[in-house]
N, C-alpha and C. Protein backbone atom coordinates (compact mmCIF):
# COMPACT_ATOMS: atom_id res chain seq x y z
N UNK A 1 127.05 104.07 87.74
CA UNK A 1 126.01 104.97 87.09
C UNK A 1 124.64 104.41 88.51
N UNK A 2 123.92 103.00 87.83
CA UNK A 2 123.66 102.80 88.52
C UNK A 2 123.45 103.05 89.77
N UNK A 3 124.01 102.48 90.65
CA UNK A 3 124.58 102.94 92.03
C UNK A 3 123.87 104.52 92.49
N UNK A 4 124.76 105.00 92.08
CA UNK A 4 123.72 106.42 91.88
C UNK A 4 122.61 107.04 92.09
N UNK A 5 121.93 106.41 90.32
CA UNK A 5 120.86 106.24 90.66
C UNK A 5 119.71 105.92 92.29
N UNK A 6 120.44 104.74 92.75
CA UNK A 6 119.81 103.89 93.90
C UNK A 6 120.18 105.05 94.79
N UNK A 7 121.73 105.03 94.81
CA UNK A 7 121.28 106.28 96.31
C UNK A 7 120.84 107.67 96.26
N UNK A 8 120.65 108.50 94.55
CA UNK A 8 119.72 109.75 95.05
C UNK A 8 118.17 109.41 95.29
N UNK A 9 117.86 108.10 94.77
CA UNK A 9 116.50 107.51 95.26
C UNK A 9 116.09 107.45 96.70
N UNK A 10 116.93 106.53 96.88
CA UNK A 10 116.93 106.44 98.57
C UNK A 10 117.37 107.48 99.11
N UNK A 11 118.03 109.08 98.93
CA UNK A 11 117.89 109.70 99.73
C UNK A 11 116.81 110.72 99.62
N UNK A 12 116.54 110.80 98.22
CA UNK A 12 115.13 111.50 98.20
C UNK A 12 114.40 111.20 98.71
N UNK A 13 114.12 110.04 99.10
CA UNK A 13 113.16 109.59 100.02
C UNK A 13 112.83 109.28 100.87
N UNK A 14 114.26 109.18 102.25
CA UNK A 14 114.36 109.65 102.84
C UNK A 14 114.35 110.48 103.18
N UNK A 15 114.68 111.63 102.70
CA UNK A 15 114.88 113.32 102.89
C UNK A 15 113.45 113.67 103.08
N UNK A 16 112.56 113.35 101.85
CA UNK A 16 111.00 113.88 101.50
C UNK A 16 110.92 113.10 102.87
N UNK A 17 110.79 112.26 103.84
CA UNK A 17 109.90 111.47 104.64
C UNK A 17 109.80 111.59 106.21
N UNK A 18 111.91 112.54 105.83
CA UNK A 18 112.14 112.64 107.59
C UNK A 18 112.20 114.21 107.26
N UNK A 19 112.04 114.71 106.83
CA UNK A 19 111.97 116.72 107.22
C UNK A 19 110.51 116.47 107.75
N UNK A 20 109.29 115.82 106.97
CA UNK A 20 108.46 116.91 107.69
C UNK A 20 108.36 116.91 109.67
N UNK A 21 109.34 115.44 109.68
CA UNK A 21 109.63 114.97 111.58
C UNK A 21 110.23 115.65 112.52
N UNK A 22 110.92 116.38 110.99
CA UNK A 22 111.91 117.49 112.27
C UNK A 22 111.25 118.30 112.06
N UNK A 23 110.89 118.78 111.51
CA UNK A 23 110.63 120.26 111.30
C UNK A 23 109.49 120.79 112.16
N UNK A 24 108.30 119.72 111.51
CA UNK A 24 106.87 119.67 112.58
C UNK A 24 106.89 118.65 113.90
N UNK A 25 107.29 119.43 114.71
CA UNK A 25 106.89 118.36 116.21
C UNK A 25 105.48 118.07 116.45
N UNK A 26 104.70 119.15 115.53
CA UNK A 26 103.12 118.45 115.87
C UNK A 26 103.24 117.81 115.14
N UNK A 27 101.22 116.91 115.97
CA UNK A 27 101.26 116.34 114.42
C UNK A 27 100.52 117.57 113.09
N UNK A 28 100.85 116.71 111.89
CA UNK A 28 100.22 117.17 111.32
C UNK A 28 98.53 116.91 110.54
N UNK A 29 97.43 118.14 110.90
CA UNK A 29 96.29 117.76 111.15
C UNK A 29 95.32 118.36 109.89
N UNK A 30 95.80 119.10 109.21
CA UNK A 30 95.62 119.47 107.44
C UNK A 30 96.13 118.00 106.38
N UNK A 31 94.61 117.95 105.80
CA UNK A 31 94.13 116.86 105.00
C UNK A 31 95.18 116.90 103.89
N UNK A 32 95.07 118.48 103.16
CA UNK A 32 95.79 118.26 102.09
C UNK A 32 97.20 118.35 102.12
N UNK A 33 98.31 119.06 102.91
CA UNK A 33 99.53 118.80 103.56
C UNK A 33 99.86 117.12 103.74
N UNK A 34 98.58 116.53 104.21
CA UNK A 34 99.03 115.18 104.32
C UNK A 34 98.90 113.80 103.34
N UNK A 35 98.10 114.53 102.49
CA UNK A 35 97.61 113.95 101.27
C UNK A 35 99.15 114.36 99.79
N UNK A 36 99.55 115.52 100.13
CA UNK A 36 100.69 116.14 98.95
C UNK A 36 101.55 115.13 99.54
N UNK A 37 102.10 115.44 101.23
CA UNK A 37 103.40 114.70 101.36
C UNK A 37 103.45 112.60 101.05
N UNK A 38 101.85 112.41 100.57
CA UNK A 38 102.23 110.95 100.60
C UNK A 38 102.34 111.02 99.28
N UNK A 39 101.75 111.47 98.47
CA UNK A 39 102.50 111.73 96.36
C UNK A 39 103.62 111.83 96.82
N UNK A 40 104.55 112.84 96.90
CA UNK A 40 105.62 113.55 96.69
C UNK A 40 106.95 112.91 96.31
N UNK A 41 107.03 111.15 97.27
CA UNK A 41 108.21 110.31 96.88
C UNK A 41 107.55 109.87 95.08
N UNK A 42 106.07 109.51 95.15
CA UNK A 42 105.87 108.51 93.42
C UNK A 42 106.96 110.04 92.73
N UNK A 43 105.90 110.63 92.88
CA UNK A 43 106.69 112.01 92.16
C UNK A 43 108.27 111.97 91.68
N UNK A 44 109.05 112.28 92.61
CA UNK A 44 110.32 112.47 92.67
C UNK A 44 111.07 111.24 91.58
N UNK A 45 110.66 109.72 92.34
CA UNK A 45 110.80 108.59 92.38
C UNK A 45 110.29 108.41 90.23
N UNK A 46 109.47 108.78 90.04
CA UNK A 46 108.85 109.59 88.53
C UNK A 46 109.86 110.10 87.68
N UNK A 47 109.79 111.15 88.34
CA UNK A 47 110.94 112.34 87.05
C UNK A 47 112.84 111.43 87.79
N UNK A 48 112.51 110.44 87.94
CA UNK A 48 114.38 110.35 87.97
C UNK A 48 113.74 109.32 86.86
N UNK A 49 113.22 108.03 86.80
CA UNK A 49 113.13 107.43 86.13
C UNK A 49 112.68 107.49 84.79
N UNK A 50 111.31 108.18 84.56
CA UNK A 50 110.64 108.39 83.31
C UNK A 50 112.15 108.87 82.05
N UNK A 51 113.17 109.83 82.42
CA UNK A 51 113.80 109.76 81.50
C UNK A 51 115.21 108.63 81.20
N UNK A 52 114.98 108.39 81.88
CA UNK A 52 116.00 107.32 81.49
C UNK A 52 115.42 105.96 80.71
N UNK A 53 114.14 105.68 80.61
CA UNK A 53 113.41 105.01 79.93
C UNK A 53 114.02 105.40 78.85
N UNK A 54 113.60 107.14 78.20
CA UNK A 54 114.08 107.25 76.92
C UNK A 54 115.56 106.82 76.79
N UNK A 55 115.93 107.33 77.22
CA UNK A 55 117.61 106.53 76.46
C UNK A 55 118.05 104.97 76.92
N UNK A 56 117.41 103.73 77.72
CA UNK A 56 117.78 102.81 77.53
C UNK A 56 118.15 101.85 76.38
N UNK A 57 116.77 101.87 75.29
CA UNK A 57 116.75 101.77 74.15
C UNK A 57 118.05 102.61 72.84
N UNK A 58 118.49 101.83 72.18
CA UNK A 58 118.62 102.71 70.52
C UNK A 58 118.01 103.43 69.99
N UNK A 59 116.81 103.56 70.54
CA UNK A 59 116.34 104.50 69.84
C UNK A 59 115.31 105.00 70.85
N UNK A 60 115.33 106.92 70.53
CA UNK A 60 113.80 106.89 71.84
C UNK A 60 112.34 106.54 71.08
N UNK A 61 112.39 106.48 69.90
CA UNK A 61 111.19 105.58 69.43
C UNK A 61 110.72 104.59 69.82
N UNK A 62 111.57 103.21 69.67
CA UNK A 62 111.65 102.29 70.20
C UNK A 62 111.07 102.09 71.69
N UNK A 63 112.00 103.55 72.74
CA UNK A 63 111.25 103.06 73.63
C UNK A 63 110.29 104.31 74.29
N UNK A 64 109.51 105.07 73.34
CA UNK A 64 107.95 105.63 73.68
C UNK A 64 107.31 104.03 72.82
N UNK A 65 107.59 103.77 72.22
CA UNK A 65 106.69 102.73 71.90
C UNK A 65 106.19 101.40 72.82
N UNK A 66 107.33 101.70 73.88
CA UNK A 66 107.28 100.52 74.90
C UNK A 66 106.94 101.30 76.39
N UNK A 67 107.16 102.37 76.64
CA UNK A 67 106.08 102.96 77.15
C UNK A 67 104.92 103.32 77.12
N UNK A 68 104.81 103.82 75.71
CA UNK A 68 103.22 103.76 75.95
C UNK A 68 102.43 102.87 75.73
N UNK A 69 103.03 101.35 75.46
CA UNK A 69 102.43 100.26 75.97
C UNK A 69 102.48 99.69 77.36
N UNK A 70 103.33 99.88 78.25
CA UNK A 70 103.01 100.11 79.43
C UNK A 70 101.97 100.88 79.78
N UNK A 71 102.42 102.35 79.82
CA UNK A 71 101.24 102.67 79.98
C UNK A 71 99.52 102.30 80.08
N UNK A 72 99.36 101.99 78.34
CA UNK A 72 98.62 100.43 78.50
C UNK A 72 98.08 99.63 79.13
N UNK A 73 99.00 99.12 79.33
CA UNK A 73 98.70 97.53 80.42
C UNK A 73 98.41 98.08 81.45
N UNK A 74 99.22 99.11 82.52
CA UNK A 74 99.17 99.57 83.56
C UNK A 74 97.82 100.08 83.85
N UNK A 75 97.07 101.04 82.60
CA UNK A 75 95.75 101.71 82.67
C UNK A 75 94.73 100.63 83.07
N UNK A 76 94.86 99.50 82.48
CA UNK A 76 94.42 98.46 82.21
C UNK A 76 93.77 97.85 83.36
N UNK A 77 95.24 97.95 83.98
CA UNK A 77 94.83 97.25 85.65
C UNK A 77 95.58 95.89 85.15
N UNK A 78 96.82 96.05 84.36
CA UNK A 78 97.36 93.96 84.24
C UNK A 78 98.42 93.75 85.18
N UNK A 79 98.86 92.83 85.56
CA UNK A 79 100.06 92.61 86.20
C UNK A 79 101.40 93.39 86.20
N UNK A 80 102.22 93.35 86.87
CA UNK A 80 103.99 93.87 87.10
C UNK A 80 104.37 93.12 86.03
N UNK A 81 104.46 91.76 85.69
CA UNK A 81 105.23 91.56 85.11
C UNK A 81 104.55 91.70 83.44
N UNK A 82 103.52 91.15 83.07
CA UNK A 82 103.02 91.58 82.09
C UNK A 82 103.40 92.64 81.33
N UNK A 83 103.05 93.39 82.31
CA UNK A 83 103.14 95.40 82.09
C UNK A 83 104.95 94.88 81.52
N UNK A 84 105.75 94.15 82.05
CA UNK A 84 107.03 94.43 81.97
C UNK A 84 107.61 93.43 80.71
N UNK A 85 106.47 92.46 80.15
CA UNK A 85 107.31 91.64 79.70
C UNK A 85 106.81 91.86 78.26
N UNK A 86 105.41 92.25 77.72
CA UNK A 86 105.48 93.15 76.91
C UNK A 86 105.74 94.51 75.89
N UNK A 87 105.81 95.48 77.10
CA UNK A 87 106.76 96.41 76.93
C UNK A 87 108.17 96.43 76.49
N UNK A 88 108.63 95.27 77.47
CA UNK A 88 109.90 94.78 76.47
C UNK A 88 110.02 93.89 74.95
N UNK A 89 109.03 93.07 75.15
CA UNK A 89 108.54 92.90 73.38
C UNK A 89 108.28 93.89 72.83
N UNK A 90 107.46 94.92 73.22
CA UNK A 90 107.67 95.93 72.38
C UNK A 90 108.78 96.69 71.03
N UNK A 91 109.44 97.14 72.66
CA UNK A 91 111.18 97.31 72.42
C UNK A 91 111.85 96.65 71.73
N UNK A 92 111.98 95.29 71.56
CA UNK A 92 112.72 94.08 70.34
C UNK A 92 111.94 94.03 69.13
N UNK A 93 110.86 94.04 69.26
CA UNK A 93 110.64 94.25 67.62
C UNK A 93 110.73 95.66 67.18
N UNK A 94 110.54 96.39 67.55
CA UNK A 94 110.53 97.93 67.18
C UNK A 94 112.27 98.14 67.33
N UNK A 95 113.49 97.48 67.58
CA UNK A 95 114.24 97.83 67.50
C UNK A 95 114.35 96.64 65.77
N UNK A 96 113.68 95.66 66.06
CA UNK A 96 114.15 94.70 64.71
C UNK A 96 113.45 95.08 63.41
N UNK A 97 112.76 95.68 63.91
CA UNK A 97 112.04 96.38 61.84
C UNK A 97 112.81 97.89 62.57
N UNK A 98 113.90 97.89 62.84
CA UNK A 98 114.66 99.28 62.79
C UNK A 98 114.36 100.95 62.99
N UNK A 99 113.46 100.76 63.55
CA UNK A 99 112.05 101.89 64.23
C UNK A 99 112.98 102.62 65.46
């Protein structure tokens, strides 16, 4: 199952970056289109990753708590290891408390 996710994410990212090169022969000069195309891979990866977050633990509530902690720490510009550690600890504690 995990290999399917990796393959779909790789194909999606590759196609999104490759298609404009094949479709448009001239250089794209419109700043709006360039900005839009730069955000598409992030949006696709987020759309595939976020649902997995909520079903990766025993309960949706513990996953939501961990996700909320990760969002808050990420918003406060903490490093990735710190965000991951505290999100995992939050889920672990929530699971111990039976949430």
